[in-house]
Protein backbone atom coordinates (compact mmCIF):
# COMPACT_ATOMS: atom_id res chain seq x y z
CA MET A 1 -149.87 -87.31 -56.71
CA ASP A 2 -152.09 -85.38 -58.92
CA PRO A 3 -151.02 -86.97 -62.70
CA ARG A 4 -150.84 -83.73 -64.25
CA PHE A 5 -148.58 -82.33 -61.85
CA LYS A 6 -146.33 -85.86 -62.46
CA GLU A 7 -146.00 -85.24 -65.80
CA VAL A 8 -144.96 -82.09 -65.43
CA LEU A 9 -142.20 -82.61 -63.18
CA GLU A 10 -141.21 -85.58 -65.38
CA GLU A 11 -141.00 -83.09 -68.29
CA ALA A 12 -138.83 -80.66 -66.13
CA ARG A 13 -136.55 -83.16 -64.99
CA ARG A 14 -135.93 -84.41 -68.63
CA ARG A 15 -135.53 -80.80 -69.14
CA VAL A 16 -132.57 -80.73 -66.18
CA ASP A 17 -131.36 -83.35 -68.38
CA ASP A 18 -131.05 -81.65 -71.51
CA TYR A 19 -129.37 -78.64 -69.66
CA LYS A 20 -126.43 -80.97 -68.32
CA LYS A 21 -126.18 -82.47 -72.01
CA LEU A 22 -125.32 -78.59 -72.89
CA GLY A 23 -122.37 -78.84 -69.94
CA VAL A 24 -124.83 -76.92 -67.47
CA ASN A 25 -126.45 -78.02 -64.11
CA PRO A 26 -129.26 -75.58 -64.09
CA LEU A 27 -130.20 -76.70 -60.34
CA ALA A 28 -126.69 -74.89 -59.83
CA LEU A 29 -127.69 -72.08 -61.22
CA ALA A 30 -129.96 -70.16 -58.84
CA THR A 31 -133.43 -68.52 -60.36
CA GLY A 32 -133.21 -64.77 -61.20
CA CYS A 33 -131.57 -62.77 -58.90
CA ALA A 34 -130.76 -65.45 -56.25
CA VAL A 35 -127.59 -65.55 -58.68
CA LYS A 36 -126.12 -62.03 -57.12
CA VAL A 37 -122.94 -62.31 -54.66
CA ASP A 38 -124.49 -61.27 -51.24
CA LEU A 39 -124.58 -57.45 -51.21
CA GLU A 40 -124.45 -56.96 -47.57
CA ARG A 41 -122.13 -59.68 -46.74
CA VAL A 42 -119.91 -59.55 -49.63
CA VAL A 43 -120.14 -56.63 -52.19
CA TYR A 44 -120.45 -53.59 -50.03
CA PRO A 45 -117.68 -54.78 -47.62
CA ALA A 46 -114.99 -55.26 -50.52
CA LEU A 47 -116.25 -52.07 -51.91
CA SER A 48 -115.77 -49.88 -48.83
CA ARG A 49 -111.90 -51.60 -48.51
CA LEU A 50 -111.84 -50.32 -52.18
CA LYS A 51 -112.91 -46.89 -51.75
CA ARG A 52 -110.04 -46.58 -48.81
CA THR A 53 -107.49 -48.43 -51.37
CA LEU A 54 -107.88 -46.07 -54.37
CA ARG A 55 -105.93 -42.67 -54.60
CA GLY A 56 -108.86 -40.58 -56.15
CA ASN A 57 -108.82 -40.96 -60.05
CA VAL A 58 -111.23 -44.04 -59.53
CA GLU A 59 -114.34 -43.04 -58.00
CA ILE A 60 -117.12 -45.58 -56.72
CA ALA A 61 -120.70 -44.32 -56.82
CA PRO A 62 -123.02 -44.76 -53.76
CA ARG A 63 -125.62 -47.35 -54.15
CA GLU A 64 -128.16 -46.63 -56.62
CA ASP A 65 -130.86 -48.60 -58.71
CA ALA A 66 -128.65 -46.55 -62.00
CA ASP A 67 -125.71 -44.66 -63.10
CA LEU A 68 -127.44 -41.18 -63.51
CA ILE A 69 -125.53 -39.62 -66.36
CA GLU A 70 -126.18 -35.92 -67.56
CA ALA A 71 -126.24 -35.94 -71.16
CA PRO A 72 -128.34 -34.66 -74.20
CA LYS A 73 -130.67 -37.25 -75.23
CA GLY A 74 -128.46 -40.03 -77.51
CA GLY A 75 -125.59 -38.44 -76.63
CA VAL A 76 -123.41 -41.38 -75.30
CA GLU A 77 -121.50 -43.89 -76.43
CA VAL A 78 -120.09 -47.69 -75.16
CA VAL A 79 -117.08 -49.24 -75.65
CA ARG A 80 -117.09 -52.58 -74.06
CA LYS A 81 -113.80 -54.66 -72.56
CA ILE A 82 -114.00 -58.09 -71.36
CA TYR A 83 -111.14 -59.76 -69.21
CA PRO A 84 -110.68 -63.44 -67.56
CA LEU A 85 -110.78 -62.73 -63.50
CA GLU A 86 -107.95 -64.65 -63.00
CA ASN A 87 -105.22 -62.88 -65.42
CA PRO A 88 -105.51 -59.07 -64.26
CA GLU A 89 -102.43 -58.15 -66.40
CA SER A 90 -104.84 -58.68 -69.42
CA MET A 91 -106.03 -55.32 -68.94
CA ASN A 92 -104.07 -52.98 -70.87
CA GLU A 93 -103.10 -49.44 -68.89
CA SER A 94 -102.26 -47.41 -71.79
CA GLU A 95 -105.62 -48.73 -73.96
CA VAL A 96 -108.10 -47.85 -70.98
CA ARG A 97 -106.34 -44.74 -70.38
CA GLU A 98 -107.80 -43.48 -73.36
CA LEU A 99 -111.24 -44.11 -72.28
CA SER A 100 -110.54 -41.67 -69.61
CA GLY A 101 -113.54 -39.70 -68.22
CA SER A 102 -115.73 -42.59 -68.55
CA HIS A 103 -118.87 -43.77 -66.62
CA VAL A 104 -117.57 -47.61 -66.22
CA ILE A 105 -120.47 -50.20 -65.49
CA VAL A 106 -118.95 -53.41 -64.04
CA LEU A 107 -120.20 -56.72 -64.20
CA ILE A 108 -118.07 -59.38 -62.47
CA GLN A 109 -118.97 -63.41 -62.72
CA VAL A 110 -117.11 -65.33 -59.83
CA HIS A 111 -116.33 -68.80 -59.10
CA GLN A 112 -118.66 -69.45 -55.55
CA ARG A 113 -115.02 -70.17 -54.42
CA HIS A 114 -114.66 -66.36 -53.88
CA ALA A 115 -118.28 -65.48 -53.94
CA PHE A 116 -119.24 -65.75 -50.22
CA ASP A 117 -116.23 -64.41 -48.30
CA GLU A 118 -115.28 -60.41 -48.44
CA GLU A 119 -111.46 -61.18 -48.38
CA SER A 120 -111.83 -63.42 -51.30
CA PHE A 121 -113.88 -61.47 -53.05
CA TYR A 122 -112.14 -58.32 -52.26
CA ALA A 123 -108.44 -60.16 -53.56
CA ARG A 124 -110.32 -61.23 -56.83
CA ILE A 125 -111.44 -58.02 -58.20
CA ALA A 126 -109.03 -55.07 -56.79
CA PRO A 127 -106.49 -56.22 -59.41
CA PHE A 128 -108.50 -54.81 -62.07
CA TYR A 129 -109.71 -51.64 -60.12
CA LYS A 130 -106.31 -50.90 -59.17
CA ARG A 131 -104.39 -51.14 -62.79
CA LEU A 132 -107.56 -48.96 -64.10
CA GLU A 133 -106.24 -46.21 -61.52
CA ARG A 134 -102.74 -47.08 -62.51
CA SER A 135 -103.47 -46.15 -65.87
CA GLY A 136 -103.82 -42.51 -65.61
CA GLY A 137 -107.11 -42.18 -66.68
CA LYS A 138 -110.01 -40.49 -64.53
CA PHE A 139 -113.38 -43.19 -64.08
CA TYR A 140 -116.39 -42.88 -62.27
CA ILE A 141 -117.94 -46.77 -61.43
CA GLY A 142 -121.43 -45.91 -61.71
CA LYS A 143 -122.61 -49.23 -61.34
CA GLY A 144 -121.92 -52.68 -60.61
CA HIS A 145 -123.26 -56.21 -60.69
CA SER A 146 -121.75 -59.43 -59.64
CA ILE A 147 -123.11 -63.01 -59.90
CA VAL A 148 -121.65 -66.76 -58.65
CA THR A 149 -120.71 -69.23 -61.12
CA PRO A 150 -120.84 -73.21 -60.19
CA PHE A 151 -117.97 -73.50 -62.81
CA GLU A 152 -114.03 -73.24 -62.68
CA GLY A 153 -112.84 -71.07 -65.88
CA ASP A 154 -115.63 -69.42 -65.99
CA GLU A 155 -114.63 -66.10 -64.19
CA PHE A 156 -114.72 -62.58 -65.98
CA ILE A 157 -115.04 -58.95 -65.82
CA LEU A 158 -117.05 -56.97 -67.98
CA MET A 159 -116.49 -53.11 -68.09
CA ASP A 160 -118.95 -51.00 -70.19
CA PHE A 161 -117.05 -47.50 -70.69
CA VAL A 162 -119.96 -44.99 -71.21
CA ARG A 163 -118.78 -41.39 -72.76
CA VAL A 164 -120.48 -38.71 -73.51
CA SER A 165 -120.55 -36.05 -76.26
CA GLY A 166 -119.87 -32.58 -75.46
CA GLU A 167 -123.04 -31.40 -76.62
CA GLU A 168 -125.11 -29.33 -74.14
CA PRO A 169 -127.23 -31.88 -71.89
CA ASP A 170 -130.67 -31.82 -71.86
CA GLY A 171 -131.74 -34.47 -69.71
CA PHE A 172 -130.35 -37.85 -68.01
CA THR A 173 -129.32 -41.17 -69.25
CA ALA A 174 -129.96 -43.96 -66.65
CA VAL A 175 -127.49 -46.72 -67.13
CA ASN A 176 -127.57 -50.49 -65.68
CA ASN A 177 -126.07 -54.11 -65.88
CA ASP A 178 -128.23 -57.09 -64.52
CA THR A 179 -127.41 -60.24 -65.74
CA ILE A 180 -128.29 -63.57 -64.77
CA HIS A 181 -128.21 -67.16 -65.92
CA ILE A 182 -131.93 -68.18 -66.43
CA ILE A 183 -135.22 -67.19 -65.01
CA ASP A 184 -136.88 -70.48 -64.97
CA PRO A 185 -134.39 -73.34 -64.66
CA THR A 186 -137.22 -75.74 -65.41
CA ALA A 187 -137.97 -74.40 -68.72
CA ASP A 188 -136.42 -74.56 -72.20
CA PRO A 189 -133.49 -71.75 -72.12
CA THR A 190 -135.02 -70.80 -75.41
CA ASP A 191 -138.31 -69.68 -74.56
CA TYR A 192 -138.99 -65.93 -74.77
CA ARG A 193 -139.95 -65.39 -71.76
CA GLN A 194 -136.47 -65.87 -70.38
CA VAL A 195 -134.74 -63.39 -72.22
CA ALA A 196 -137.55 -60.98 -71.69
CA GLY A 197 -137.47 -61.59 -68.13
CA ALA A 198 -133.67 -60.81 -67.86
CA LEU A 199 -133.78 -57.79 -70.33
CA ASN A 200 -136.64 -56.37 -68.45
CA ASN A 201 -134.66 -56.86 -65.26
CA SER A 202 -132.16 -54.93 -66.18
CA LEU A 203 -134.16 -52.00 -67.33
CA ASN A 204 -136.11 -52.08 -64.25
CA ASP A 205 -133.12 -50.24 -62.76
CA VAL A 206 -133.62 -47.38 -65.22
CA TYR A 207 -137.48 -47.27 -65.68
CA VAL A 208 -137.48 -46.94 -61.65
CA MET A 209 -135.62 -43.66 -62.46
CA GLY A 210 -138.48 -42.40 -64.62
CA ALA A 211 -135.93 -42.94 -67.47
CA THR A 212 -138.32 -44.53 -70.53
CA GLU A 213 -137.14 -43.24 -73.63
CA ASP A 214 -134.53 -43.84 -75.96
CA VAL A 215 -133.53 -47.30 -74.94
CA THR A 216 -130.56 -49.07 -75.54
CA ILE A 217 -129.34 -52.85 -75.15
CA ALA A 218 -126.02 -54.24 -74.68
CA PRO A 219 -126.39 -57.54 -74.59
CA VAL A 220 -124.73 -60.20 -72.34
CA VAL A 221 -125.79 -63.70 -73.78
CA ASN A 222 -123.85 -66.77 -74.04
CA ALA A 223 -124.84 -70.15 -74.30
CA PRO A 224 -123.11 -74.01 -74.22
CA THR A 225 -123.94 -74.39 -78.30
CA GLU A 226 -123.85 -71.93 -80.68
CA GLU A 227 -127.58 -72.88 -82.14
CA VAL A 228 -128.70 -72.11 -78.39
CA ARG A 229 -126.59 -68.75 -78.27
CA GLU A 230 -128.21 -67.59 -81.65
CA MET A 231 -131.77 -68.74 -80.55
CA LEU A 232 -130.99 -66.54 -77.42
CA GLU A 233 -129.87 -63.47 -79.92
CA ALA A 234 -132.90 -64.03 -81.72
CA ASN A 235 -134.88 -63.33 -78.79
CA VAL A 236 -132.93 -60.00 -78.04
CA GLU A 237 -133.65 -58.98 -81.33
CA ARG A 238 -137.58 -59.80 -80.86
CA TYR A 239 -137.51 -58.07 -77.44
CA SER A 240 -135.70 -54.76 -79.29
CA ARG A 241 -138.50 -54.80 -81.72
CA GLU A 242 -140.81 -55.28 -79.58
CA PHE A 243 -140.19 -51.95 -77.52
CA GLY A 244 -138.43 -50.06 -80.01
CA ALA A 245 -135.03 -50.52 -78.43
CA LYS A 246 -131.62 -50.37 -80.20
CA VAL A 247 -129.30 -53.14 -79.77
CA LEU A 248 -125.48 -52.45 -79.61
CA PRO A 249 -123.50 -54.59 -81.25
CA LEU A 250 -120.77 -55.09 -79.10
CA ALA A 251 -118.45 -58.29 -77.51
CA ARG A 252 -120.52 -60.89 -75.87
CA PRO A 253 -118.13 -63.12 -73.12
CA LYS A 254 -116.65 -65.62 -74.31
CA ARG A 255 -116.95 -67.66 -70.82
CA GLY A 256 -120.01 -68.42 -68.66
CA ARG A 257 -122.24 -71.37 -70.13
CA LEU A 258 -125.76 -69.58 -69.41
CA LEU A 259 -125.88 -65.71 -69.50
CA LEU A 260 -128.68 -63.33 -70.01
CA GLY A 261 -128.72 -59.92 -69.43
CA ALA A 262 -127.41 -57.02 -70.73
CA THR A 263 -125.85 -53.32 -69.83
CA VAL A 264 -129.11 -50.98 -70.53
CA MET A 265 -129.70 -47.34 -71.14
CA ALA A 266 -132.64 -45.03 -71.14
CA PHE A 267 -132.74 -41.12 -71.60
CA THR A 268 -135.31 -38.86 -69.51
CA ASP A 269 -136.07 -35.17 -69.40
CA ARG A 270 -137.11 -34.99 -65.93
CA THR A 271 -134.83 -34.84 -62.96
CA PRO A 272 -134.45 -38.62 -61.47
CA PRO A 273 -135.97 -38.88 -58.27
CA ILE A 274 -133.22 -38.76 -55.54
CA PHE A 275 -134.67 -35.86 -53.31
CA TYR A 276 -133.97 -37.87 -50.17
CA ASP A 277 -133.40 -34.35 -47.86
CA ARG A 278 -137.03 -33.52 -48.82
CA VAL A 279 -138.88 -36.09 -47.32
CA LYS A 280 -141.13 -35.33 -44.16
CA PRO A 281 -143.92 -37.00 -41.81
CA GLY A 282 -146.62 -37.89 -43.11
CA ASP A 283 -145.08 -39.03 -46.82
CA LYS A 284 -146.38 -41.94 -48.11
CA VAL A 285 -145.01 -45.44 -49.27
CA LEU A 286 -146.62 -46.81 -52.40
CA VAL A 287 -145.56 -50.46 -54.12
CA THR A 288 -146.77 -50.77 -57.71
CA ARG A 289 -147.76 -54.50 -57.31
CA PRO A 290 -147.50 -56.84 -54.95
CA ILE A 291 -143.80 -58.32 -54.76
CA GLY A 292 -142.09 -62.45 -53.88
CA GLU A 293 -142.62 -63.63 -57.61
CA LEU A 294 -139.67 -65.96 -57.24
CA ALA A 295 -141.48 -67.93 -54.44
CA PRO A 296 -143.27 -70.23 -56.35
CA ILE A 297 -140.63 -70.67 -58.96
CA ASN A 298 -138.41 -71.99 -56.08
CA VAL A 299 -140.86 -73.90 -54.66
CA PHE A 300 -141.60 -75.89 -58.03
CA LEU A 301 -137.79 -76.36 -58.53
CA ALA A 302 -137.63 -78.27 -55.13
CA ALA A 303 -140.39 -80.32 -56.50
CA VAL A 304 -138.46 -81.12 -59.11
CA MET A 305 -135.41 -82.17 -57.38
CA ASP A 306 -137.21 -83.98 -54.65
CA ASP A 307 -140.29 -86.50 -54.72
CA ARG A 308 -140.88 -85.80 -50.72
CA VAL A 309 -141.37 -81.93 -51.30
CA VAL A 310 -144.49 -82.62 -53.41
CA ASP A 311 -145.95 -84.69 -50.38
CA ASP A 312 -144.69 -81.96 -48.03
CA LEU A 313 -146.62 -79.52 -50.20
CA GLU A 314 -149.94 -81.43 -49.96
CA GLU A 315 -149.44 -81.45 -46.46
CA TYR A 316 -148.94 -77.86 -46.13
CA GLY A 317 -151.96 -77.30 -47.76
CA ILE A 318 -150.46 -76.72 -51.41
CA SER A 319 -152.09 -78.58 -54.28
CA GLY A 320 -150.17 -79.62 -57.12
CA GLU A 321 -152.32 -77.81 -59.37
CA GLU A 322 -151.68 -74.67 -57.25
CA VAL A 323 -147.92 -74.79 -57.76
CA LEU A 324 -148.11 -75.10 -61.65
CA GLU A 325 -150.60 -72.19 -62.12
CA ALA A 326 -148.49 -69.48 -59.37
CA LYS A 327 -145.21 -70.77 -61.15
CA GLU A 328 -146.54 -70.29 -64.56
CA LYS A 329 -148.10 -66.79 -63.43
CA ALA A 330 -144.76 -65.98 -61.74
CA PHE A 331 -143.03 -66.30 -65.10
CA ASN A 332 -145.35 -64.36 -66.84
CA THR A 333 -144.96 -61.48 -64.62
CA ILE A 334 -141.03 -61.75 -64.66
CA ALA A 335 -141.60 -61.30 -68.26
CA LYS A 336 -143.93 -58.37 -68.41
CA SER A 337 -142.11 -54.94 -68.81
CA ASN A 338 -142.42 -52.12 -66.23
CA ARG A 339 -141.85 -49.48 -68.74
CA GLU A 340 -145.44 -48.11 -68.26
CA ALA A 341 -144.84 -47.58 -64.68
CA GLY A 342 -141.83 -45.92 -64.91
CA ARG A 343 -143.82 -43.50 -67.30
CA VAL A 344 -145.92 -42.81 -64.48
CA ILE A 345 -143.08 -42.15 -62.04
CA ALA A 346 -141.59 -39.67 -64.70
CA LYS A 347 -144.91 -37.93 -64.86
CA TYR A 348 -144.51 -36.75 -61.18
CA LEU A 349 -141.08 -35.70 -61.45
CA PRO A 350 -139.55 -31.84 -62.12
CA ARG A 351 -138.33 -31.45 -65.98
CA TYR A 352 -134.76 -31.16 -66.22
CA GLY A 353 -133.52 -27.72 -65.30
CA GLU A 354 -136.70 -27.15 -63.28
CA GLU A 355 -136.71 -26.82 -59.28
CA PHE A 356 -138.49 -29.68 -57.49
CA ARG A 357 -141.78 -28.45 -55.60
CA ASP A 358 -142.69 -30.29 -52.50
CA GLY A 359 -146.34 -31.75 -53.29
CA GLU A 360 -146.38 -32.01 -56.53
CA HIS A 361 -143.19 -34.33 -57.35
CA ILE A 362 -142.10 -37.82 -56.02
CA TYR A 363 -139.01 -38.09 -53.71
CA ALA A 364 -137.66 -41.44 -54.27
CA THR A 365 -137.62 -44.57 -55.85
CA ILE A 366 -136.58 -48.22 -55.68
CA ASP A 367 -136.80 -51.58 -57.48
CA VAL A 368 -137.94 -54.59 -55.15
CA THR A 369 -135.77 -57.10 -56.90
CA GLY A 370 -133.35 -59.37 -55.41
CA PRO A 371 -133.69 -58.00 -52.04
CA GLY A 372 -137.22 -57.62 -51.59
CA VAL A 373 -138.59 -56.16 -48.89
CA TYR A 374 -135.28 -55.34 -47.48
CA VAL A 375 -135.37 -52.05 -49.89
CA VAL A 376 -137.43 -50.14 -47.54
CA TRP A 377 -134.61 -50.11 -44.84
CA GLU A 378 -132.60 -48.79 -47.91
CA LEU A 379 -134.94 -46.01 -48.54
CA ALA A 380 -135.09 -45.20 -44.94
CA MET A 381 -131.21 -45.21 -44.68
CA ASN A 382 -131.05 -42.82 -47.72
CA ALA A 383 -133.80 -40.36 -46.41
CA LYS A 384 -132.60 -40.97 -42.72
CA ALA A 385 -136.56 -41.53 -42.08
CA HIS A 386 -138.70 -43.42 -39.81
CA ILE A 387 -140.99 -45.39 -41.90
CA LYS A 388 -144.07 -47.41 -40.57
CA LEU A 389 -145.24 -50.31 -43.19
CA TRP A 390 -148.81 -51.29 -42.47
CA GLU A 391 -148.74 -54.38 -44.70
CA ILE A 392 -146.29 -56.76 -46.88
CA PRO A 393 -147.95 -57.06 -50.22
CA LEU A 394 -146.88 -60.65 -51.24
CA LEU A 395 -148.13 -62.22 -54.61
CA TYR A 396 -148.38 -65.62 -53.55
CA PRO A 397 -147.88 -65.58 -49.06
CA LYS A 398 -148.55 -69.10 -49.01
CA PHE A 399 -145.79 -70.05 -50.82
CA SER A 400 -143.59 -67.30 -49.52
CA ARG A 401 -144.55 -68.93 -46.39
CA TYR A 402 -143.58 -72.36 -47.78
CA ALA A 403 -140.60 -71.59 -48.98
CA THR A 404 -139.46 -69.60 -45.99
CA ASP A 405 -140.79 -72.23 -43.51
CA ARG A 406 -138.57 -75.09 -45.17
CA TYR A 407 -135.51 -72.87 -45.48
CA LEU A 408 -135.70 -72.87 -49.77
CA MET A 409 -135.41 -69.00 -49.89
CA LEU A 410 -133.45 -66.74 -46.89
CA ASN A 411 -135.83 -64.18 -48.36
CA ALA A 412 -138.92 -65.08 -50.00
CA THR A 413 -140.16 -61.46 -50.80
CA ALA A 414 -137.63 -61.31 -53.17
CA GLY A 415 -138.29 -61.27 -57.15
CA THR A 416 -136.55 -60.74 -60.38
CA ASN A 417 -137.89 -57.83 -62.49
CA GLY A 418 -139.73 -56.69 -59.28
CA ALA A 419 -142.27 -53.94 -58.39
CA PHE A 420 -141.55 -50.58 -57.51
CA ILE A 421 -141.63 -48.89 -54.07
CA ILE A 422 -142.01 -45.16 -54.59
CA LEU A 423 -141.99 -42.51 -51.48
CA ALA A 424 -144.52 -39.69 -52.26
CA PRO A 425 -146.01 -36.63 -50.73
CA ASP A 426 -149.48 -37.88 -49.18
CA SER A 427 -150.59 -34.85 -51.78
CA ILE A 428 -150.31 -37.13 -54.93
CA ALA A 429 -150.34 -40.48 -53.42
CA GLU A 430 -153.50 -41.57 -54.17
CA SER A 431 -152.94 -39.46 -57.93
CA ILE A 432 -150.38 -41.82 -58.58
CA VAL A 433 -152.06 -45.05 -57.63
CA LYS A 434 -154.61 -43.96 -59.61
CA ASP A 435 -152.51 -43.49 -63.00
CA LEU A 436 -150.81 -46.97 -62.14
CA ARG A 437 -154.14 -48.66 -61.69
CA ALA A 438 -155.76 -47.23 -64.99
CA LEU A 439 -152.34 -49.10 -66.86
CA GLY A 440 -153.47 -52.78 -65.13
CA TYR A 441 -151.01 -52.12 -62.02
CA PRO A 442 -152.53 -53.31 -58.84
CA ALA A 443 -150.74 -50.41 -56.68
CA SER A 444 -151.36 -49.53 -53.27
CA VAL A 445 -150.25 -47.53 -50.36
CA ILE A 446 -148.60 -49.71 -48.10
CA GLY A 447 -146.89 -47.37 -45.14
CA GLU A 448 -146.06 -43.89 -44.33
CA VAL A 449 -143.30 -41.82 -42.86
CA VAL A 450 -143.48 -41.54 -39.34
CA ASP A 451 -140.53 -39.07 -38.78
CA VAL A 452 -136.68 -37.60 -39.93
CA GLY A 453 -133.78 -37.78 -38.71
CA SER A 454 -132.64 -41.57 -38.19
CA PRO A 455 -133.37 -44.61 -40.42
CA ARG A 456 -136.01 -47.09 -38.60
CA VAL A 457 -138.53 -49.59 -40.30
CA GLU A 458 -141.71 -50.88 -38.47
CA ALA A 459 -143.05 -53.97 -40.30
CA PRO A 460 -146.15 -56.24 -39.35
CA LYS A 461 -144.72 -58.87 -37.33
CA GLU A 462 -146.13 -61.52 -40.40
CA LEU A 463 -142.61 -60.14 -42.10
CA ALA A 464 -140.80 -62.91 -40.07
CA GLU A 465 -143.27 -65.78 -41.78
CA TYR A 466 -141.85 -64.34 -45.18
CA VAL A 467 -137.73 -64.11 -44.11
CA ALA A 468 -135.31 -66.17 -42.71
CA ASP A 469 -132.28 -64.21 -43.14
CA LYS A 470 -131.75 -62.69 -39.55
CA ARG A 471 -129.31 -59.93 -41.06
CA VAL A 472 -132.35 -58.82 -43.06
CA LEU A 473 -135.13 -59.48 -40.27
CA GLU A 474 -132.89 -57.33 -37.88
CA LYS A 475 -133.17 -54.19 -40.11
CA PHE A 476 -137.09 -54.01 -39.27
CA THR A 477 -139.10 -53.73 -35.82
CA LEU A 478 -142.02 -55.76 -36.07
CA MET A 479 -144.39 -54.57 -34.71
CA GLY A 480 -146.86 -56.51 -32.10
CA SER A 481 -144.00 -58.99 -31.46
């Protein structure tokens, strides 16, 4: 074993022991977006059932990267309510009735016992939606996020009620919540990159809509000790100063041993890119940079857990030095904001109140994070388009291949604070790529729309080398296989 690699592994193992002394087992907390409750198998079926159950005054939004609210700049306020998930009666119906008319951003942390079965997950969350309905108010569930905890007693539901002022709207406020446990569970939780990565991850879904101004952060931060929590809060303040963001002094969850994230908002004077019905054959699929930044972190974590992985890596042709270099680069990538990419997107959108112009404006965008390459299928579904991908651009193809071969990840194209996929007319595709590259993004055109009418995605056959999840692979037609 490489002496330096051995030294770093030993240090990482000491770090794991330090986490355990804080009452946290970082090896039980999946890295980054891997901590999400499975969308296809659990969340979406449960939400579909809820939609059929609710009578109408509580509406659940279709899946988008962010909730898009027509509003004046700076014309929204947030009221936060946090309830223990095991106690639906803790929601005061008359209290929430006063918030009628709000858009609601929901964060749920559910014990792993309820996170892998749609029936159990539904039974855990439905009572809160039903009490919201019984309050008599009208609510729009604009965005939801669900994460898994391995700890009993850490379950909660957080609802951020977003209210709009009565002034005339002059654009859109995009709102999102993304909360995780940790980015790199072998690094110190107070490393600034942990908080920066988590906040970037939440803001990504806002920036991808072209909303980059008047950034506001309502943190969701907790830690097992007051000292660590204060250091995390200080890192949130440092982040806000760096990006000129406003931090809202809202309640933090008292449950959840380690939480990093936020409900975030940003404003745009453009109309966000959800013009799916305008897509036509010949349009292009762009990516702001290669994807799959979680693969080397997961590979390193596997080596921390088991020395035999180190020997296996060497046999596979991956040195310890390569692992350390890739893992550090991945961590730094996650900690880097995509705000400038969002500004490029905004440049190619119609101003608020103006008409969409074919050949000049972007049709649609999506954040490539937890689902990885699967988001191309989501784009195809929304646009009813037949898309052909020419390549699967990966940051670390060797690591993604290894993570798939060894079943370390079901989808090694996944990431945290990931790249953006952009669906744009052929006439502006190269201009968008040029603008992104001028800002340091290694953007490229990776595919095109073949036809419209029904969703289909063709992809190179090597996609199967990076995705072990059959439910993801079955959405793609693999070429040459």
